[in-house]
Amino acid sequence: MPRQKHKPQRTCIVCRENKDKRELIRVVRTPEKNVVIDLTGKANGRGAYLCRQSACLDKGLQKGRLDRALKVTLSEADLTLLRTALQTELAQA
């Protein structure tokens, strides 16, 4: 009988649900203090995970949860760029 491969689990910072890592969107604070979306799941830096549901994406950006999870203060320009990138990613899925 073949051994079943391990699937890493991560928690959404908004709804607190555990899901497979590939089902979530990773947002990363890089060592240069930039905040970017990591589609590979392997970028260097502090990461936070969000569900692919629009409600979780909106709450994560609105209530400062992403700021706390990444231990950084996001400007309005950063939030606008992230919101646009996340909506684009959500539309492609």
Protein backbone atom coordinates (compact mmCIF):
# COMPACT_ATOMS: atom_id res chain seq x y z
CA MET A 1 0.00 0.00 0.00
CA PRO A 2 1.54 3.39 -1.03
CA ARG A 3 2.11 5.92 1.70
CA GLN A 4 -0.13 8.99 1.58
CA LYS A 5 1.77 12.24 1.00
CA HIS A 6 1.67 14.86 3.76
CA LYS A 7 -0.33 18.01 2.90
CA PRO A 8 0.74 21.06 4.94
CA GLN A 9 -2.08 22.79 6.80
CA ARG A 10 -2.29 26.55 7.38
CA THR A 11 -4.80 28.81 9.14
CA CYS A 12 -6.61 31.77 7.58
CA ILE A 13 -5.95 34.89 9.69
CA VAL A 14 -9.58 36.01 9.37
CA CYS A 15 -11.89 32.99 9.70
CA ARG A 16 -9.31 30.82 11.56
CA GLU A 17 -10.12 27.73 9.45
CA ASN A 18 -7.38 25.17 8.84
CA LYS A 19 -7.02 24.31 5.17
CA ASP A 20 -4.45 22.85 2.82
CA LYS A 21 -1.67 25.35 2.15
CA ARG A 22 -2.44 25.39 -1.59
CA GLU A 23 -6.06 26.43 -0.96
CA LEU A 24 -4.99 29.69 0.69
CA ILE A 25 -3.33 32.87 -0.57
CA ARG A 26 -0.03 33.76 1.13
CA VAL A 27 0.87 37.39 1.72
CA VAL A 28 4.51 38.00 2.66
CA ARG A 29 6.48 40.78 4.32
CA THR A 30 9.88 40.49 2.68
CA PRO A 31 13.14 41.22 4.52
CA GLU A 32 13.16 44.58 2.67
CA LYS A 33 9.81 45.42 4.43
CA ASN A 34 7.76 45.15 1.20
CA VAL A 35 4.41 43.35 1.32
CA VAL A 36 3.69 41.11 -1.67
CA ILE A 37 1.48 38.19 -2.64
CA ASP A 38 3.39 34.91 -2.80
CA LEU A 39 1.79 32.55 -5.29
CA THR A 40 4.58 29.97 -4.94
CA GLY A 41 4.33 29.70 -1.15
CA LYS A 42 8.12 29.72 -0.89
CA ALA A 43 9.12 33.39 -0.77
CA ASN A 44 11.47 34.46 1.99
CA GLY A 45 9.88 36.51 4.77
CA ARG A 46 7.06 36.55 7.30
CA GLY A 47 3.85 35.16 5.82
CA ALA A 48 0.14 35.26 6.54
CA TYR A 49 -2.59 33.22 4.88
CA LEU A 50 -6.03 34.30 3.64
CA CYS A 51 -8.92 32.24 2.27
CA ARG A 52 -9.88 32.70 -1.34
CA GLN A 53 -13.28 33.98 -0.20
CA SER A 54 -13.96 37.65 -0.87
CA ALA A 55 -15.28 38.15 2.69
CA CYS A 56 -11.99 36.96 4.22
CA LEU A 57 -9.94 39.07 1.82
CA ASP A 58 -11.94 42.21 2.61
CA LYS A 59 -11.87 41.70 6.39
CA GLY A 60 -8.16 40.93 6.33
CA LEU A 61 -7.41 44.24 4.64
CA GLN A 62 -10.01 46.42 6.41
CA LYS A 63 -9.56 45.57 10.07
CA GLY A 64 -5.77 45.63 10.24
CA ARG A 65 -5.46 41.89 10.71
CA LEU A 66 -2.90 41.68 7.97
CA ASP A 67 -0.90 44.46 9.64
CA ARG A 68 -0.80 42.54 12.91
CA ALA A 69 -0.03 39.19 11.31
CA LEU A 70 2.87 40.60 9.29
CA LYS A 71 4.02 42.95 12.08
CA VAL A 72 4.09 45.94 9.74
CA THR A 73 2.08 49.12 9.20
CA LEU A 74 0.51 49.19 5.74
CA SER A 75 -0.16 52.51 4.05
CA GLU A 76 -3.32 53.19 2.05
CA ALA A 77 -1.29 52.84 -1.16
CA ASP A 78 -0.04 49.40 -0.03
CA LEU A 79 -3.59 48.33 0.86
CA THR A 80 -4.90 49.48 -2.52
CA LEU A 81 -2.20 47.55 -4.38
CA LEU A 82 -2.81 44.43 -2.29
CA ARG A 83 -6.59 44.69 -2.70
CA THR A 84 -6.22 44.93 -6.50
CA ALA A 85 -3.77 42.01 -6.64
CA LEU A 86 -5.94 39.84 -4.38
CA GLN A 87 -9.08 40.57 -6.43
CA THR A 88 -7.19 39.69 -9.61
CA GLU A 89 -6.01 36.42 -8.05
CA LEU A 90 -9.55 35.64 -6.87
CA ALA A 91 -10.97 36.28 -10.35
CA GLN A 92 -8.43 33.92 -11.94
CA ALA A 93 -9.23 31.05 -9.58
